[in-house]
Full PDB file with SEQRES, HELIX, SHEET, SSBOND, CRYST1, ORIGX, SCALE, CONECT and MASTER records, all heavy atoms in Angstrom:
SEQRES   1 A   38  GLY LYS GLU ARG GLU VAL VAL ALA THR LEU GLU ASP GLY          
SEQRES   2 A   38  ALA PHE THR ILE THR ARG GLU ALA ASP SER VAL ARG GLY          
SEQRES   3 A   38  ARG PHE THR ILE SER LYS ASP SER ALA GLN LYS THR              
SHEET    1 AA1 2 ALA A   8  ASP A  12  0                                        
SHEET    2 AA1 2 THR A  16  GLU A  20 -1                                        
CRYST1    1.000    1.000    1.000  90.00  90.00  90.00 P 1           1          
ORIGX1      1.000000  0.000000  0.000000        0.00000                         
ORIGX2      0.000000  1.000000  0.000000        0.00000                         
ORIGX3      0.000000  0.000000  1.000000        0.00000                         
SCALE1      1.000000  0.000000  0.000000        0.00000                         
SCALE2      0.000000  1.000000  0.000000        0.00000                         
SCALE3      0.000000  0.000000  1.000000        0.00000                         
ATOM      1  N   GLY A   1     122.490 228.950  80.146  1.00  0.00           N  
ATOM      2  CA  GLY A   1     122.000 227.617  79.873  1.00  0.00           C  
ATOM      3  C   GLY A   1     120.679 227.273  80.522  1.00  0.00           C  
ATOM      4  O   GLY A   1     120.223 226.134  80.411  1.00  0.00           O  
ATOM      5  N   LYS A   2     120.059 228.224  81.187  1.00  0.00           N  
ATOM      6  CA  LYS A   2     118.795 227.979  81.854  1.00  0.00           C  
ATOM      7  C   LYS A   2     117.719 228.916  81.327  1.00  0.00           C  
ATOM      8  O   LYS A   2     118.006 229.947  80.732  1.00  0.00           O  
ATOM      9  CB  LYS A   2     118.932 228.148  83.366  1.00  0.00           C  
ATOM     10  CG  LYS A   2     119.945 227.226  84.014  1.00  0.00           C  
ATOM     11  CD  LYS A   2     119.917 227.334  85.520  1.00  0.00           C  
ATOM     12  CE  LYS A   2     118.622 226.803  86.092  1.00  0.00           C  
ATOM     13  NZ  LYS A   2     118.616 226.826  87.584  1.00  0.00           N  
ATOM     14  N   GLU A   3     116.476 228.520  81.545  1.00  0.00           N  
ATOM     15  CA  GLU A   3     115.356 229.339  81.120  1.00  0.00           C  
ATOM     16  C   GLU A   3     115.178 230.530  82.048  1.00  0.00           C  
ATOM     17  O   GLU A   3     115.563 230.500  83.214  1.00  0.00           O  
ATOM     18  CB  GLU A   3     114.070 228.512  81.090  1.00  0.00           C  
ATOM     19  CG  GLU A   3     114.062 227.395  80.066  1.00  0.00           C  
ATOM     20  CD  GLU A   3     112.735 226.669  80.022  1.00  0.00           C  
ATOM     21  OE1 GLU A   3     111.896 226.900  80.904  1.00  0.00           O  
ATOM     22  OE2 GLU A   3     112.535 225.876  79.087  1.00  0.00           O  
ATOM     23  N   ARG A   4     114.585 231.566  81.506  1.00  0.00           N  
ATOM     24  CA  ARG A   4     114.280 232.732  82.306  1.00  0.00           C  
ATOM     25  C   ARG A   4     113.179 232.378  83.302  1.00  0.00           C  
ATOM     26  O   ARG A   4     112.168 231.775  82.944  1.00  0.00           O  
ATOM     27  CB  ARG A   4     113.848 233.883  81.405  1.00  0.00           C  
ATOM     28  CG  ARG A   4     113.742 235.220  82.107  1.00  0.00           C  
ATOM     29  CD  ARG A   4     113.628 236.358  81.096  1.00  0.00           C  
ATOM     30  NE  ARG A   4     114.798 236.426  80.229  1.00  0.00           N  
ATOM     31  CZ  ARG A   4     115.021 237.404  79.366  1.00  0.00           C  
ATOM     32  NH1 ARG A   4     114.160 238.411  79.245  1.00  0.00           N  
ATOM     33  NH2 ARG A   4     116.106 237.381  78.602  1.00  0.00           N  
ATOM     34  N   GLU A   5     113.364 232.745  84.554  1.00  0.00           N  
ATOM     35  CA  GLU A   5     112.411 232.404  85.589  1.00  0.00           C  
ATOM     36  C   GLU A   5     112.026 233.628  86.398  1.00  0.00           C  
ATOM     37  O   GLU A   5     112.816 234.553  86.581  1.00  0.00           O  
ATOM     38  CB  GLU A   5     112.985 231.333  86.526  1.00  0.00           C  
ATOM     39  CG  GLU A   5     114.196 231.785  87.315  1.00  0.00           C  
ATOM     40  CD  GLU A   5     114.684 230.742  88.300  1.00  0.00           C  
ATOM     41  OE1 GLU A   5     114.080 229.654  88.379  1.00  0.00           O  
ATOM     42  OE2 GLU A   5     115.682 231.008  88.999  1.00  0.00           O  
ATOM     43  N   VAL A   6     110.805 233.592  86.898  1.00  0.00           N  
ATOM     44  CA  VAL A   6     110.321 234.702  87.693  1.00  0.00           C  
ATOM     45  C   VAL A   6     110.985 234.701  89.060  1.00  0.00           C  
ATOM     46  O   VAL A   6     111.223 233.645  89.651  1.00  0.00           O  
ATOM     47  CB  VAL A   6     108.783 234.643  87.836  1.00  0.00           C  
ATOM     48  CG1 VAL A   6     108.346 233.432  88.642  1.00  0.00           C  
ATOM     49  CG2 VAL A   6     108.255 235.931  88.442  1.00  0.00           C  
ATOM     50  N   VAL A   7     111.316 235.871  89.535  1.00  0.00           N  
ATOM     51  CA  VAL A   7     111.884 236.046  90.861  1.00  0.00           C  
ATOM     52  C   VAL A   7     110.838 236.603  91.810  1.00  0.00           C  
ATOM     53  O   VAL A   7     110.646 236.098  92.918  1.00  0.00           O  
ATOM     54  CB  VAL A   7     113.114 236.965  90.822  1.00  0.00           C  
ATOM     55  CG1 VAL A   7     113.640 237.232  92.235  1.00  0.00           C  
ATOM     56  CG2 VAL A   7     114.203 236.360  89.944  1.00  0.00           C  
ATOM     57  N   ALA A   8     110.159 237.642  91.374  1.00  0.00           N  
ATOM     58  CA  ALA A   8     109.136 238.280  92.189  1.00  0.00           C  
ATOM     59  C   ALA A   8     108.251 239.134  91.306  1.00  0.00           C  
ATOM     60  O   ALA A   8     108.683 239.635  90.271  1.00  0.00           O  
ATOM     61  CB  ALA A   8     109.768 239.130  93.293  1.00  0.00           C  
ATOM     62  N   THR A   9     107.015 239.289  91.718  1.00  0.00           N  
ATOM     63  CA  THR A   9     106.062 240.124  90.986  1.00  0.00           C  
ATOM     64  C   THR A   9     105.408 241.109  91.936  1.00  0.00           C  
ATOM     65  O   THR A   9     105.305 240.870  93.144  1.00  0.00           O  
ATOM     66  CB  THR A   9     104.971 239.286  90.300  1.00  0.00           C  
ATOM     67  OG1 THR A   9     104.235 238.554  91.284  1.00  0.00           O  
ATOM     68  CG2 THR A   9     105.574 238.322  89.291  1.00  0.00           C  
ATOM     69  N   LEU A  10     104.952 242.201  91.370  1.00  0.00           N  
ATOM     70  CA  LEU A  10     104.266 243.229  92.139  1.00  0.00           C  
ATOM     71  C   LEU A  10     103.073 243.737  91.345  1.00  0.00           C  
ATOM     72  O   LEU A  10     103.233 244.285  90.255  1.00  0.00           O  
ATOM     73  CB  LEU A  10     105.224 244.377  92.475  1.00  0.00           C  
ATOM     74  CG  LEU A  10     104.702 245.488  93.398  1.00  0.00           C  
ATOM     75  CD1 LEU A  10     105.844 246.087  94.207  1.00  0.00           C  
ATOM     76  CD2 LEU A  10     104.011 246.596  92.598  1.00  0.00           C  
ATOM     77  N   GLU A  11     101.872 243.528  91.889  1.00  0.00           N  
ATOM     78  CA  GLU A  11     100.643 244.055  91.319  1.00  0.00           C  
ATOM     79  C   GLU A  11     100.303 245.347  92.024  1.00  0.00           C  
ATOM     80  O   GLU A  11     100.242 245.390  93.252  1.00  0.00           O  
ATOM     81  CB  GLU A  11      99.498 243.052  91.474  1.00  0.00           C  
ATOM     82  CG  GLU A  11      99.705 241.744  90.753  1.00  0.00           C  
ATOM     83  CD  GLU A  11      98.584 240.760  91.005  1.00  0.00           C  
ATOM     84  OE1 GLU A  11      97.595 241.139  91.679  1.00  0.00           O  
ATOM     85  OE2 GLU A  11      98.687 239.614  90.537  1.00  0.00           O  
ATOM     86  N   ASP A  12     100.096 246.382  91.264  1.00  0.00           N  
ATOM     87  CA  ASP A  12      99.860 247.704  91.829  1.00  0.00           C  
ATOM     88  C   ASP A  12      98.534 248.250  91.302  1.00  0.00           C  
ATOM     89  O   ASP A  12      98.482 248.884  90.251  1.00  0.00           O  
ATOM     90  CB  ASP A  12     101.006 248.641  91.479  1.00  0.00           C  
ATOM     91  CG  ASP A  12     100.940 249.947  92.256  1.00  0.00           C  
ATOM     92  OD1 ASP A  12     100.087 250.072  93.140  1.00  0.00           O  
ATOM     93  OD2 ASP A  12     101.770 250.831  91.966  1.00  0.00           O  
ATOM     94  N   GLY A  13      97.475 247.985  92.045  1.00  0.00           N  
ATOM     95  CA  GLY A  13      96.152 248.481  91.690  1.00  0.00           C  
ATOM     96  C   GLY A  13      95.604 249.325  92.816  1.00  0.00           C  
ATOM     97  O   GLY A  13      96.208 250.328  93.206  1.00  0.00           O  
ATOM     98  N   ALA A  14      94.454 248.910  93.340  1.00  0.00           N  
ATOM     99  CA  ALA A  14      93.900 249.597  94.498  1.00  0.00           C  
ATOM    100  C   ALA A  14      94.827 249.457  95.703  1.00  0.00           C  
ATOM    101  O   ALA A  14      94.879 250.336  96.564  1.00  0.00           O  
ATOM    102  CB  ALA A  14      92.518 249.048  94.825  1.00  0.00           C  
ATOM    103  N   PHE A  15      95.549 248.352  95.743  1.00  0.00           N  
ATOM    104  CA  PHE A  15      96.565 248.127  96.748  1.00  0.00           C  
ATOM    105  C   PHE A  15      97.645 247.252  96.123  1.00  0.00           C  
ATOM    106  O   PHE A  15      97.474 246.723  95.027  1.00  0.00           O  
ATOM    107  CB  PHE A  15      95.976 247.476  98.010  1.00  0.00           C  
ATOM    108  CG  PHE A  15      95.225 246.205  97.759  1.00  0.00           C  
ATOM    109  CD1 PHE A  15      95.849 244.983  97.884  1.00  0.00           C  
ATOM    110  CD2 PHE A  15      93.887 246.236  97.404  1.00  0.00           C  
ATOM    111  CE1 PHE A  15      95.157 243.803  97.664  1.00  0.00           C  
ATOM    112  CE2 PHE A  15      93.183 245.066  97.172  1.00  0.00           C  
ATOM    113  CZ  PHE A  15      93.832 243.846  97.302  1.00  0.00           C  
ATOM    114  N   THR A  16      98.734 247.113  96.820  1.00  0.00           N  
ATOM    115  CA  THR A  16      99.883 246.410  96.279  1.00  0.00           C  
ATOM    116  C   THR A  16      99.937 244.968  96.757  1.00  0.00           C  
ATOM    117  O   THR A  16      99.788 244.687  97.947  1.00  0.00           O  
ATOM    118  CB  THR A  16     101.182 247.126  96.672  1.00  0.00           C  
ATOM    119  OG1 THR A  16     101.149 248.466  96.171  1.00  0.00           O  
ATOM    120  CG2 THR A  16     102.390 246.404  96.088  1.00  0.00           C  
ATOM    121  N   ILE A  17     100.149 244.058  95.804  1.00  0.00           N  
ATOM    122  CA  ILE A  17     100.313 242.647  96.110  1.00  0.00           C  
ATOM    123  C   ILE A  17     101.665 242.206  95.593  1.00  0.00           C  
ATOM    124  O   ILE A  17     101.973 242.390  94.417  1.00  0.00           O  
ATOM    125  CB  ILE A  17      99.200 241.798  95.473  1.00  0.00           C  
ATOM    126  CG1 ILE A  17      97.824 242.226  95.980  1.00  0.00           C  
ATOM    127  CG2 ILE A  17      99.442 240.316  95.753  1.00  0.00           C  
ATOM    128  CD1 ILE A  17      96.677 241.504  95.309  1.00  0.00           C  
ATOM    129  N   THR A  18     102.460 241.636  96.460  1.00  0.00           N  
ATOM    130  CA  THR A  18     103.769 241.150  96.073  1.00  0.00           C  
ATOM    131  C   THR A  18     103.861 239.645  96.265  1.00  0.00           C  
ATOM    132  O   THR A  18     103.268 239.083  97.187  1.00  0.00           O  
ATOM    133  CB  THR A  18     104.888 241.830  96.876  1.00  0.00           C  
ATOM    134  OG1 THR A  18     104.705 241.564  98.276  1.00  0.00           O  
ATOM    135  CG2 THR A  18     104.874 243.328  96.646  1.00  0.00           C  
ATOM    136  N   ARG A  19     104.597 239.010  95.386  1.00  0.00           N  
ATOM    137  CA  ARG A  19     104.834 237.579  95.469  1.00  0.00           C  
ATOM    138  C   ARG A  19     106.291 237.314  95.138  1.00  0.00           C  
ATOM    139  O   ARG A  19     106.865 237.968  94.279  1.00  0.00           O  
ATOM    140  CB  ARG A  19     103.929 236.801  94.515  1.00  0.00           C  
ATOM    141  CG  ARG A  19     102.443 236.926  94.805  1.00  0.00           C  
ATOM    142  CD  ARG A  19     101.620 236.101  93.823  1.00  0.00           C  
ATOM    143  NE  ARG A  19     100.196 236.166  94.113  1.00  0.00           N  
ATOM    144  CZ  ARG A  19      99.381 237.077  93.618  1.00  0.00           C  
ATOM    145  NH1 ARG A  19      99.851 238.018  92.797  1.00  0.00           N  
ATOM    146  NH2 ARG A  19      98.094 237.069  93.935  1.00  0.00           N  
ATOM    147  N   GLU A  20     106.870 236.370  95.821  1.00  0.00           N  
ATOM    148  CA  GLU A  20     108.248 235.975  95.577  1.00  0.00           C  
ATOM    149  C   GLU A  20     108.313 234.488  95.269  1.00  0.00           C  
ATOM    150  O   GLU A  20     107.531 233.700  95.803  1.00  0.00           O  
ATOM    151  CB  GLU A  20     109.132 236.284  96.787  1.00  0.00           C  
ATOM    152  CG  GLU A  20     109.234 237.761  97.146  1.00  0.00           C  
ATOM    153  CD  GLU A  20     108.075 238.241  97.994  1.00  0.00           C  
ATOM    154  OE1 GLU A  20     107.560 237.444  98.814  1.00  0.00           O  
ATOM    155  OE2 GLU A  20     107.668 239.408  97.847  1.00  0.00           O  
ATOM    156  N   ALA A  21     109.234 234.123  94.415  1.00  0.00           N  
ATOM    157  CA  ALA A  21     109.435 232.726  94.092  1.00  0.00           C  
ATOM    158  C   ALA A  21     109.911 231.974  95.332  1.00  0.00           C  
ATOM    159  O   ALA A  21     110.542 232.549  96.224  1.00  0.00           O  
ATOM    160  CB  ALA A  21     110.450 232.578  92.965  1.00  0.00           C  
ATOM    161  N   ASP A  22     109.607 230.695  95.373  1.00  0.00           N  
ATOM    162  CA  ASP A  22     109.987 229.882  96.522  1.00  0.00           C  
ATOM    163  C   ASP A  22     111.490 229.936  96.787  1.00  0.00           C  
ATOM    164  O   ASP A  22     111.929 229.913  97.941  1.00  0.00           O  
ATOM    165  CB  ASP A  22     109.560 228.429  96.316  1.00  0.00           C  
ATOM    166  CG  ASP A  22     108.061 228.249  96.359  1.00  0.00           C  
ATOM    167  OD1 ASP A  22     107.355 229.161  96.840  1.00  0.00           O  
ATOM    168  OD2 ASP A  22     107.578 227.191  95.905  1.00  0.00           O  
ATOM    169  N   SER A  23     112.263 230.006  95.723  1.00  0.00           N  
ATOM    170  CA  SER A  23     113.706 229.965  95.854  1.00  0.00           C  
ATOM    171  C   SER A  23     114.292 231.213  96.509  1.00  0.00           C  
ATOM    172  O   SER A  23     115.424 231.185  96.990  1.00  0.00           O  
ATOM    173  CB  SER A  23     114.351 229.753  94.483  1.00  0.00           C  
ATOM    174  OG  SER A  23     114.007 230.804  93.598  1.00  0.00           O  
ATOM    175  N   VAL A  24     113.525 232.301  96.530  1.00  0.00           N  
ATOM    176  CA  VAL A  24     114.040 233.551  97.083  1.00  0.00           C  
ATOM    177  C   VAL A  24     113.216 234.078  98.242  1.00  0.00           C  
ATOM    178  O   VAL A  24     113.620 235.067  98.876  1.00  0.00           O  
ATOM    179  CB  VAL A  24     114.145 234.642  96.000  1.00  0.00           C  
ATOM    180  CG1 VAL A  24     114.951 234.145  94.810  1.00  0.00           C  
ATOM    181  CG2 VAL A  24     112.764 235.099  95.551  1.00  0.00           C  
ATOM    182  N   ARG A  25     112.104 233.446  98.518  1.00  0.00           N  
ATOM    183  CA  ARG A  25     111.225 233.925  99.572  1.00  0.00           C  
ATOM    184  C   ARG A  25     111.959 233.975 100.913  1.00  0.00           C  
ATOM    185  O   ARG A  25     112.615 233.021 101.311  1.00  0.00           O  
ATOM    186  CB  ARG A  25     109.980 233.050  99.686  1.00  0.00           C  
ATOM    187  CG  ARG A  25     108.917 233.622 100.638  1.00  0.00           C  
ATOM    188  CD  ARG A  25     107.629 232.807 100.596  1.00  0.00           C  
ATOM    189  NE  ARG A  25     107.006 232.848  99.287  1.00  0.00           N  
ATOM    190  CZ  ARG A  25     106.871 231.801  98.495  1.00  0.00           C  
ATOM    191  NH1 ARG A  25     107.302 230.607  98.895  1.00  0.00           N  
ATOM    192  NH2 ARG A  25     106.300 231.930  97.314  1.00  0.00           N  
ATOM    193  N   GLY A  26     111.817 235.099 101.591  1.00  0.00           N  
ATOM    194  CA  GLY A  26     112.505 235.294 102.851  1.00  0.00           C  
ATOM    195  C   GLY A  26     113.854 235.947 102.701  1.00  0.00           C  
ATOM    196  O   GLY A  26     114.429 236.418 103.693  1.00  0.00           O  
ATOM    197  N   ARG A  27     114.383 235.981 101.481  1.00  0.00           N  
ATOM    198  CA  ARG A  27     115.672 236.599 101.219  1.00  0.00           C  
ATOM    199  C   ARG A  27     115.548 237.831 100.327  1.00  0.00           C  
ATOM    200  O   ARG A  27     116.281 238.801 100.507  1.00  0.00           O  
ATOM    201  CB  ARG A  27     116.625 235.606 100.564  1.00  0.00           C  
ATOM    202  CG  ARG A  27     116.910 234.372 101.418  1.00  0.00           C  
ATOM    203  CD  ARG A  27     117.988 233.507 100.786  1.00  0.00           C  
ATOM    204  NE  ARG A  27     117.579 232.986  99.484  1.00  0.00           N  
ATOM    205  CZ  ARG A  27     118.207 233.249  98.339  1.00  0.00           C  
ATOM    206  NH1 ARG A  27     119.294 234.020  98.340  1.00  0.00           N  
ATOM    207  NH2 ARG A  27     117.779 232.724  97.201  1.00  0.00           N  
ATOM    208  N   PHE A  28     114.639 237.779  99.359  1.00  0.00           N  
ATOM    209  CA  PHE A  28     114.441 238.883  98.427  1.00  0.00           C  
ATOM    210  C   PHE A  28     113.138 239.596  98.739  1.00  0.00           C  
ATOM    211  O   PHE A  28     112.146 238.975  99.127  1.00  0.00           O  
ATOM    212  CB  PHE A  28     114.375 238.386  96.978  1.00  0.00           C  
ATOM    213  CG  PHE A  28     115.665 237.832  96.438  1.00  0.00           C  
ATOM    214  CD1 PHE A  28     116.757 237.607  97.256  1.00  0.00           C  
ATOM    215  CD2 PHE A  28     115.765 237.547  95.084  1.00  0.00           C  
ATOM    216  CE1 PHE A  28     117.941 237.092  96.753  1.00  0.00           C  
ATOM    217  CE2 PHE A  28     116.937 237.038  94.568  1.00  0.00           C  
ATOM    218  CZ  PHE A  28     118.024 236.808  95.393  1.00  0.00           C  
ATOM    219  N   THR A  29     113.131 240.895  98.524  1.00  0.00           N  
ATOM    220  CA  THR A  29     111.928 241.692  98.716  1.00  0.00           C  
ATOM    221  C   THR A  29     111.735 242.627  97.536  1.00  0.00           C  
ATOM    222  O   THR A  29     112.624 243.421  97.221  1.00  0.00           O  
ATOM    223  CB  THR A  29     112.000 242.516 100.009  1.00  0.00           C  
ATOM    224  OG1 THR A  29     112.208 241.657 101.132  1.00  0.00           O  
ATOM    225  CG2 THR A  29     110.701 243.296 100.214  1.00  0.00           C  
ATOM    226  N   ILE A  30     110.584 242.526  96.892  1.00  0.00           N  
ATOM    227  CA  ILE A  30     110.269 243.407  95.784  1.00  0.00           C  
ATOM    228  C   ILE A  30     109.459 244.583  96.308  1.00  0.00           C  
ATOM    229  O   ILE A  30     108.612 244.435  97.193  1.00  0.00           O  
ATOM    230  CB  ILE A  30     109.501 242.662  94.669  1.00  0.00           C  
ATOM    231  CG1 ILE A  30     109.350 243.547  93.426  1.00  0.00           C  
ATOM    232  CG2 ILE A  30     108.139 242.185  95.162  1.00  0.00           C  
ATOM    233  CD1 ILE A  30     108.779 242.812  92.214  1.00  0.00           C  
ATOM    234  N   SER A  31     109.721 245.757  95.786  1.00  0.00           N  
ATOM    235  CA  SER A  31     108.998 246.946  96.202  1.00  0.00           C  
ATOM    236  C   SER A  31     108.969 247.943  95.058  1.00  0.00           C  
ATOM    237  O   SER A  31     109.707 247.812  94.081  1.00  0.00           O  
ATOM    238  CB  SER A  31     109.628 247.575  97.450  1.00  0.00           C  
ATOM    239  OG  SER A  31     110.959 248.000  97.187  1.00  0.00           O  
ATOM    240  N   LYS A  32     108.116 248.934  95.201  1.00  0.00           N  
ATOM    241  CA  LYS A  32     107.954 249.944  94.164  1.00  0.00           C  
ATOM    242  C   LYS A  32     107.898 251.317  94.801  1.00  0.00           C  
ATOM    243  O   LYS A  32     107.207 251.519  95.797  1.00  0.00           O  
ATOM    244  CB  LYS A  32     106.682 249.660  93.362  1.00  0.00           C  
ATOM    245  CG  LYS A  32     106.455 250.544  92.154  1.00  0.00           C  
ATOM    246  CD  LYS A  32     105.184 250.110  91.433  1.00  0.00           C  
ATOM    247  CE  LYS A  32     104.913 250.924  90.195  1.00  0.00           C  
ATOM    248  NZ  LYS A  32     103.662 250.475  89.520  1.00  0.00           N  
ATOM    249  N   ASP A  33     108.624 252.240  94.219  1.00  0.00           N  
ATOM    250  CA  ASP A  33     108.637 253.622  94.675  1.00  0.00           C  
ATOM    251  C   ASP A  33     108.026 254.468  93.566  1.00  0.00           C  
ATOM    252  O   ASP A  33     108.695 254.796  92.591  1.00  0.00           O  
ATOM    253  CB  ASP A  33     110.056 254.076  95.000  1.00  0.00           C  
ATOM    254  CG  ASP A  33     110.095 255.433  95.672  1.00  0.00           C  
ATOM    255  OD1 ASP A  33     109.200 256.260  95.432  1.00  0.00           O  
ATOM    256  OD2 ASP A  33     111.037 255.678  96.449  1.00  0.00           O  
ATOM    257  N   SER A  34     106.756 254.809  93.719  1.00  0.00           N  
ATOM    258  CA  SER A  34     106.055 255.549  92.675  1.00  0.00           C  
ATOM    259  C   SER A  34     106.610 256.956  92.495  1.00  0.00           C  
ATOM    260  O   SER A  34     106.603 257.484  91.387  1.00  0.00           O  
ATOM    261  CB  SER A  34     104.563 255.619  93.002  1.00  0.00           C  
ATOM    262  OG  SER A  34     103.988 254.328  93.032  1.00  0.00           O  
ATOM    263  N   ALA A  35     107.069 257.562  93.577  1.00  0.00           N  
ATOM    264  CA  ALA A  35     107.618 258.910  93.493  1.00  0.00           C  
ATOM    265  C   ALA A  35     108.884 258.943  92.650  1.00  0.00           C  
ATOM    266  O   ALA A  35     109.099 259.873  91.874  1.00  0.00           O  
ATOM    267  CB  ALA A  35     107.886 259.456  94.889  1.00  0.00           C  
ATOM    268  N   GLN A  36     109.719 257.935  92.810  1.00  0.00           N  
ATOM    269  CA  GLN A  36     110.960 257.856  92.050  1.00  0.00           C  
ATOM    270  C   GLN A  36     110.812 257.066  90.759  1.00  0.00           C  
ATOM    271  O   GLN A  36     111.761 256.989  89.970  1.00  0.00           O  
ATOM    272  CB  GLN A  36     112.062 257.239  92.908  1.00  0.00           C  
ATOM    273  CG  GLN A  36     112.441 258.061  94.127  1.00  0.00           C  
ATOM    274  CD  GLN A  36     113.629 257.487  94.868  1.00  0.00           C  
ATOM    275  OE1 GLN A  36     114.182 256.451  94.487  1.00  0.00           O  
ATOM    276  NE2 GLN A  36     114.033 258.156  95.926  1.00  0.00           N  
ATOM    277  N   LYS A  37     109.651 256.476  90.560  1.00  0.00           N  
ATOM    278  CA  LYS A  37     109.398 255.635  89.389  1.00  0.00           C  
ATOM    279  C   LYS A  37     110.428 254.523  89.279  1.00  0.00           C  
ATOM    280  O   LYS A  37     111.081 254.344  88.245  1.00  0.00           O  
ATOM    281  CB  LYS A  37     109.360 256.473  88.109  1.00  0.00           C  
ATOM    282  CG  LYS A  37     108.136 257.349  87.980  1.00  0.00           C  
ATOM    283  CD  LYS A  37     108.059 257.968  86.591  1.00  0.00           C  
ATOM    284  CE  LYS A  37     106.770 258.720  86.387  1.00  0.00           C  
ATOM    285  NZ  LYS A  37     106.658 259.269  85.010  1.00  0.00           N  
ATOM    286  N   THR A  38     110.571 253.791  90.345  1.00  0.00           N  
ATOM    287  CA  THR A  38     111.509 252.682  90.356  1.00  0.00           C  
ATOM    288  C   THR A  38     110.876 251.436  90.966  1.00  0.00           C  
ATOM    289  O   THR A  38     110.120 251.516  91.931  1.00  0.00           O  
ATOM    290  CB  THR A  38     112.787 253.014  91.143  1.00  0.00           C  
ATOM    291  OG1 THR A  38     112.450 253.377  92.487  1.00  0.00           O  
ATOM    292  CG2 THR A  38     113.549 254.144  90.492  1.00  0.00           C  
TER     293      THR A  38                                                      
MASTER        0    0    0    0    2    0    0    6  292    1    0    3          
END                                                                             
C-alpha cells in the first residue's frame, strides 16, 4: 500500500559515494564488493 522508496544509493566512479535515507541512516549500510559482483 505504499510507494517504492529509496533506502540507500552507491555511486561507483573514481571513488565510492554512499548515501542512506534518513529513516535508515545509522542502522543500514550499503556497500559493494566488485570481486564478488554483489
